[in-house]
């Protein structure tokens, strides 16, 4: 999963996100353990993060194109949400 378009398209198991309906969204069900596999693998997400995603889905799962533009990213890129550590050259 690398783009908003892919997230909204879904896959073999159906729609990953049903805008306005977190309870019907496969992504949300996987995050909460309602269906297997539980995502993300390992310890999962914090409850606050899951709640943020629930509220985003229930609000229509819209992409904030302005935020992507301000970050210098393509509007459909999910690169800005990665959890990679900063590099030494990025620390000033």
N, C-alpha and C. Protein backbone atom coordinates (compact mmCIF):
# COMPACT_ATOMS: atom_id res chain seq x y z
N UNK A 1 0.85 -1.17 0.00
CA UNK A 1 0.00 0.00 0.00
C UNK A 1 0.89 1.23 0.00
N UNK A 2 0.85 1.97 -1.09
CA UNK A 2 1.73 3.12 -1.19
C UNK A 2 1.02 4.42 -1.57
N UNK A 3 -0.29 4.35 -1.78
CA UNK A 3 -0.97 5.58 -2.18
C UNK A 3 -2.40 5.62 -1.64
N UNK A 4 -2.93 6.81 -1.60
CA UNK A 4 -4.32 7.01 -1.20
C UNK A 4 -5.24 6.29 -2.18
N UNK A 5 -4.91 6.34 -3.46
CA UNK A 5 -5.74 5.68 -4.48
C UNK A 5 -5.80 4.18 -4.22
N UNK A 6 -4.68 3.56 -3.89
CA UNK A 6 -4.66 2.13 -3.58
C UNK A 6 -5.49 1.83 -2.33
N UNK A 7 -5.37 2.67 -1.33
CA UNK A 7 -6.13 2.50 -0.10
C UNK A 7 -7.63 2.51 -0.39
N UNK A 8 -8.06 3.44 -1.20
CA UNK A 8 -9.48 3.58 -1.50
C UNK A 8 -9.98 2.50 -2.45
N UNK A 9 -9.10 1.96 -3.30
CA UNK A 9 -9.49 0.92 -4.25
C UNK A 9 -9.76 -0.40 -3.53
N UNK A 10 -8.95 -0.75 -2.56
CA UNK A 10 -9.10 -2.02 -1.87
C UNK A 10 -8.46 -3.15 -2.66
N UNK A 11 -8.80 -4.36 -2.27
CA UNK A 11 -8.19 -5.52 -2.91
C UNK A 11 -9.14 -6.70 -2.97
N UNK A 12 -8.58 -7.90 -2.93
CA UNK A 12 -9.36 -9.13 -3.06
C UNK A 12 -10.40 -9.28 -1.96
N UNK A 13 -10.13 -8.72 -0.79
CA UNK A 13 -11.04 -8.85 0.35
C UNK A 13 -12.06 -7.72 0.43
N UNK A 14 -12.02 -6.85 -0.55
CA UNK A 14 -12.99 -5.75 -0.56
C UNK A 14 -12.34 -4.41 -0.29
N UNK A 15 -13.20 -3.44 -0.06
CA UNK A 15 -12.74 -2.07 0.16
C UNK A 15 -11.95 -1.98 1.46
N UNK A 16 -10.78 -1.40 1.39
CA UNK A 16 -9.97 -1.21 2.59
C UNK A 16 -10.62 -0.16 3.48
N UNK A 17 -11.18 0.86 2.87
CA UNK A 17 -11.84 1.94 3.60
C UNK A 17 -13.18 2.24 2.93
N UNK A 18 -14.23 2.26 3.74
CA UNK A 18 -15.55 2.67 3.27
C UNK A 18 -15.79 4.05 3.87
N UNK A 19 -15.63 5.12 3.07
CA UNK A 19 -15.78 6.47 3.61
C UNK A 19 -17.09 6.65 4.37
N UNK A 20 -16.96 7.19 5.60
CA UNK A 20 -18.12 7.42 6.44
C UNK A 20 -18.54 6.23 7.27
N UNK A 21 -17.88 5.08 7.08
CA UNK A 21 -18.31 3.86 7.76
C UNK A 21 -17.11 3.05 8.26
N UNK A 22 -16.53 3.46 9.37
CA UNK A 22 -15.36 2.73 9.89
C UNK A 22 -15.71 1.29 10.22
N UNK A 23 -16.93 1.04 10.70
CA UNK A 23 -17.34 -0.31 11.06
C UNK A 23 -17.40 -1.27 9.89
N UNK A 24 -17.48 -0.74 8.66
CA UNK A 24 -17.51 -1.57 7.46
C UNK A 24 -16.16 -1.58 6.74
N UNK A 25 -15.19 -0.85 7.25
CA UNK A 25 -13.89 -0.71 6.60
C UNK A 25 -12.94 -1.81 7.04
N UNK A 26 -12.43 -2.56 6.08
CA UNK A 26 -11.52 -3.66 6.36
C UNK A 26 -10.28 -3.18 7.13
N UNK A 27 -9.75 -2.04 6.74
CA UNK A 27 -8.59 -1.49 7.43
C UNK A 27 -8.88 -1.33 8.92
N UNK A 28 -10.00 -0.73 9.25
CA UNK A 28 -10.35 -0.50 10.66
C UNK A 28 -10.57 -1.83 11.39
N UNK A 29 -11.22 -2.77 10.73
CA UNK A 29 -11.46 -4.07 11.35
C UNK A 29 -10.13 -4.77 11.66
N UNK A 30 -9.15 -4.63 10.76
CA UNK A 30 -7.84 -5.25 10.98
C UNK A 30 -7.09 -4.54 12.11
N UNK A 31 -7.24 -3.23 12.21
CA UNK A 31 -6.57 -2.47 13.26
C UNK A 31 -7.11 -2.81 14.64
N UNK A 32 -8.40 -3.13 14.71
CA UNK A 32 -9.04 -3.41 15.99
C UNK A 32 -9.06 -4.89 16.34
N UNK A 33 -8.61 -5.74 15.42
CA UNK A 33 -8.60 -7.18 15.68
C UNK A 33 -9.91 -7.86 15.40
N UNK A 34 -10.87 -7.16 14.79
CA UNK A 34 -12.16 -7.75 14.46
C UNK A 34 -12.04 -8.81 13.38
N UNK A 35 -11.03 -8.68 12.51
CA UNK A 35 -10.73 -9.68 11.49
C UNK A 35 -9.23 -9.93 11.48
N UNK A 36 -8.84 -11.07 10.95
CA UNK A 36 -7.43 -11.43 10.85
C UNK A 36 -6.96 -11.16 9.43
N UNK A 37 -5.72 -10.84 9.18
CA UNK A 37 -4.69 -10.64 10.19
C UNK A 37 -4.85 -9.29 10.88
N UNK A 38 -4.37 -9.22 12.08
CA UNK A 38 -4.37 -7.97 12.82
C UNK A 38 -3.23 -7.10 12.28
N UNK A 39 -3.53 -5.86 12.02
CA UNK A 39 -2.54 -4.94 11.49
C UNK A 39 -2.37 -3.75 12.43
N UNK A 40 -1.20 -3.20 12.46
CA UNK A 40 0.05 -3.76 11.94
C UNK A 40 0.50 -4.93 12.80
N UNK A 41 1.32 -5.81 12.21
CA UNK A 41 1.81 -6.96 12.97
C UNK A 41 2.61 -6.49 14.20
N UNK A 42 2.67 -7.34 15.19
CA UNK A 42 3.41 -6.98 16.39
C UNK A 42 2.50 -6.40 17.44
N UNK A 43 2.84 -5.25 17.93
CA UNK A 43 2.10 -4.63 19.03
C UNK A 43 0.89 -3.82 18.59
N UNK A 44 0.68 -3.67 17.31
CA UNK A 44 -0.45 -2.88 16.83
C UNK A 44 -0.25 -1.40 17.05
N UNK A 45 -1.34 -0.67 16.97
CA UNK A 45 -1.31 0.78 17.16
C UNK A 45 -1.84 1.15 18.53
N UNK A 46 -1.49 2.34 18.98
CA UNK A 46 -2.04 2.87 20.23
C UNK A 46 -3.52 3.17 20.01
N UNK A 47 -4.30 3.06 21.07
CA UNK A 47 -5.74 3.34 21.00
C UNK A 47 -6.02 4.73 20.43
N UNK A 48 -5.20 5.70 20.80
CA UNK A 48 -5.40 7.07 20.30
C UNK A 48 -5.23 7.12 18.78
N UNK A 49 -4.27 6.36 18.24
CA UNK A 49 -4.06 6.33 16.79
C UNK A 49 -5.23 5.64 16.09
N UNK A 50 -5.72 4.56 16.69
CA UNK A 50 -6.86 3.86 16.11
C UNK A 50 -8.09 4.77 16.12
N UNK A 51 -8.27 5.52 17.20
CA UNK A 51 -9.40 6.44 17.28
C UNK A 51 -9.29 7.55 16.23
N UNK A 52 -8.07 8.02 15.99
CA UNK A 52 -7.86 9.05 14.96
C UNK A 52 -8.26 8.50 13.60
N UNK A 53 -7.85 7.27 13.30
CA UNK A 53 -8.22 6.66 12.01
C UNK A 53 -9.73 6.43 11.92
N UNK A 54 -10.35 6.01 13.03
CA UNK A 54 -11.81 5.83 13.04
C UNK A 54 -12.51 7.14 12.72
N UNK A 55 -12.09 8.22 13.36
CA UNK A 55 -12.72 9.52 13.13
C UNK A 55 -12.50 9.99 11.70
N UNK A 56 -11.30 9.73 11.14
CA UNK A 56 -10.99 10.11 9.75
C UNK A 56 -11.90 9.36 8.79
N UNK A 57 -12.04 8.06 8.99
CA UNK A 57 -12.92 7.26 8.12
C UNK A 57 -14.36 7.74 8.24
N UNK A 58 -14.83 7.90 9.48
CA UNK A 58 -16.21 8.33 9.70
C UNK A 58 -16.49 9.72 9.14
N UNK A 59 -15.46 10.55 9.04
CA UNK A 59 -15.61 11.90 8.48
C UNK A 59 -15.52 11.90 6.95
N UNK A 60 -15.39 10.73 6.34
CA UNK A 60 -15.37 10.66 4.89
C UNK A 60 -14.07 10.23 4.27
N UNK A 61 -13.03 10.01 5.08
CA UNK A 61 -11.73 9.52 4.60
C UNK A 61 -11.16 10.36 3.46
N UNK A 62 -11.27 11.66 3.62
CA UNK A 62 -10.76 12.55 2.57
C UNK A 62 -9.27 12.79 2.75
N UNK A 63 -8.59 12.99 1.62
CA UNK A 63 -7.17 13.32 1.66
C UNK A 63 -7.04 14.84 1.73
N UNK A 64 -6.13 15.30 2.56
CA UNK A 64 -5.86 16.73 2.68
C UNK A 64 -4.79 17.10 1.67
N UNK A 65 -5.20 17.43 0.46
CA UNK A 65 -4.24 17.72 -0.58
C UNK A 65 -3.40 18.94 -0.25
N UNK A 66 -3.94 19.86 0.51
CA UNK A 66 -3.16 21.04 0.91
C UNK A 66 -1.99 20.66 1.78
N UNK A 67 -2.19 19.69 2.68
CA UNK A 67 -1.10 19.26 3.55
C UNK A 67 0.00 18.59 2.74
N UNK A 68 -0.38 17.79 1.74
CA UNK A 68 0.62 17.15 0.90
C UNK A 68 1.38 18.20 0.09
N UNK A 69 0.66 19.19 -0.42
CA UNK A 69 1.31 20.23 -1.20
C UNK A 69 2.30 21.01 -0.34
N UNK A 70 1.88 21.33 0.89
CA UNK A 70 2.78 22.06 1.79
C UNK A 70 4.01 21.24 2.13
N UNK A 71 3.86 19.92 2.16
CA UNK A 71 4.99 19.05 2.48
C UNK A 71 5.82 18.74 1.25
N UNK A 72 5.37 19.22 0.07
CA UNK A 72 6.11 18.97 -1.16
C UNK A 72 5.94 17.55 -1.67
N UNK A 73 4.83 16.91 -1.33
CA UNK A 73 4.57 15.53 -1.74
C UNK A 73 3.45 15.52 -2.77
N UNK A 74 3.39 14.43 -3.54
CA UNK A 74 2.27 14.24 -4.46
C UNK A 74 1.01 14.01 -3.64
N UNK A 75 -0.12 14.44 -4.13
CA UNK A 75 -1.37 14.35 -3.38
C UNK A 75 -1.77 12.94 -3.02
N UNK A 76 -1.30 11.93 -3.74
CA UNK A 76 -1.71 10.56 -3.43
C UNK A 76 -0.60 9.77 -2.74
N UNK A 77 0.45 10.40 -2.30
CA UNK A 77 1.55 9.70 -1.66
C UNK A 77 1.32 9.52 -0.18
N UNK A 78 1.65 8.33 0.32
CA UNK A 78 1.58 8.09 1.75
C UNK A 78 2.97 8.12 2.38
N UNK A 79 3.95 8.57 1.62
CA UNK A 79 5.33 8.57 2.10
C UNK A 79 5.50 9.39 3.37
N UNK A 80 4.71 10.44 3.52
CA UNK A 80 4.88 11.32 4.67
C UNK A 80 4.42 10.69 5.97
N UNK A 81 3.75 9.54 5.93
CA UNK A 81 3.29 8.92 7.16
C UNK A 81 4.18 7.76 7.60
N UNK A 82 5.33 7.59 6.95
CA UNK A 82 6.22 6.51 7.37
C UNK A 82 6.80 6.82 8.73
N UNK A 83 7.24 5.78 9.42
CA UNK A 83 7.78 5.96 10.76
C UNK A 83 9.29 5.80 10.79
N UNK A 84 9.97 6.16 9.73
CA UNK A 84 11.42 6.02 9.72
C UNK A 84 12.06 7.07 10.61
N UNK A 85 13.18 6.70 11.19
CA UNK A 85 13.91 7.61 12.07
C UNK A 85 14.61 8.68 11.24
N UNK A 86 14.78 9.87 11.78
CA UNK A 86 15.49 10.90 11.03
C UNK A 86 16.94 10.52 10.84
N UNK A 87 17.49 10.96 9.72
CA UNK A 87 18.91 10.71 9.48
C UNK A 87 19.73 11.79 10.15
N UNK A 88 20.99 11.50 10.36
CA UNK A 88 21.87 12.47 11.02
C UNK A 88 21.95 13.77 10.22
N UNK A 89 21.91 13.66 8.89
CA UNK A 89 21.99 14.88 8.07
C UNK A 89 20.73 15.73 8.19
N UNK A 90 19.61 15.12 8.63
CA UNK A 90 18.37 15.87 8.77
C UNK A 90 18.30 16.63 10.10
N UNK A 91 19.17 16.29 11.01
CA UNK A 91 19.14 16.93 12.33
C UNK A 91 20.08 18.13 12.30
N UNK A 92 19.55 19.29 12.64
CA UNK A 92 20.37 20.52 12.58
C UNK A 92 20.40 21.17 13.93
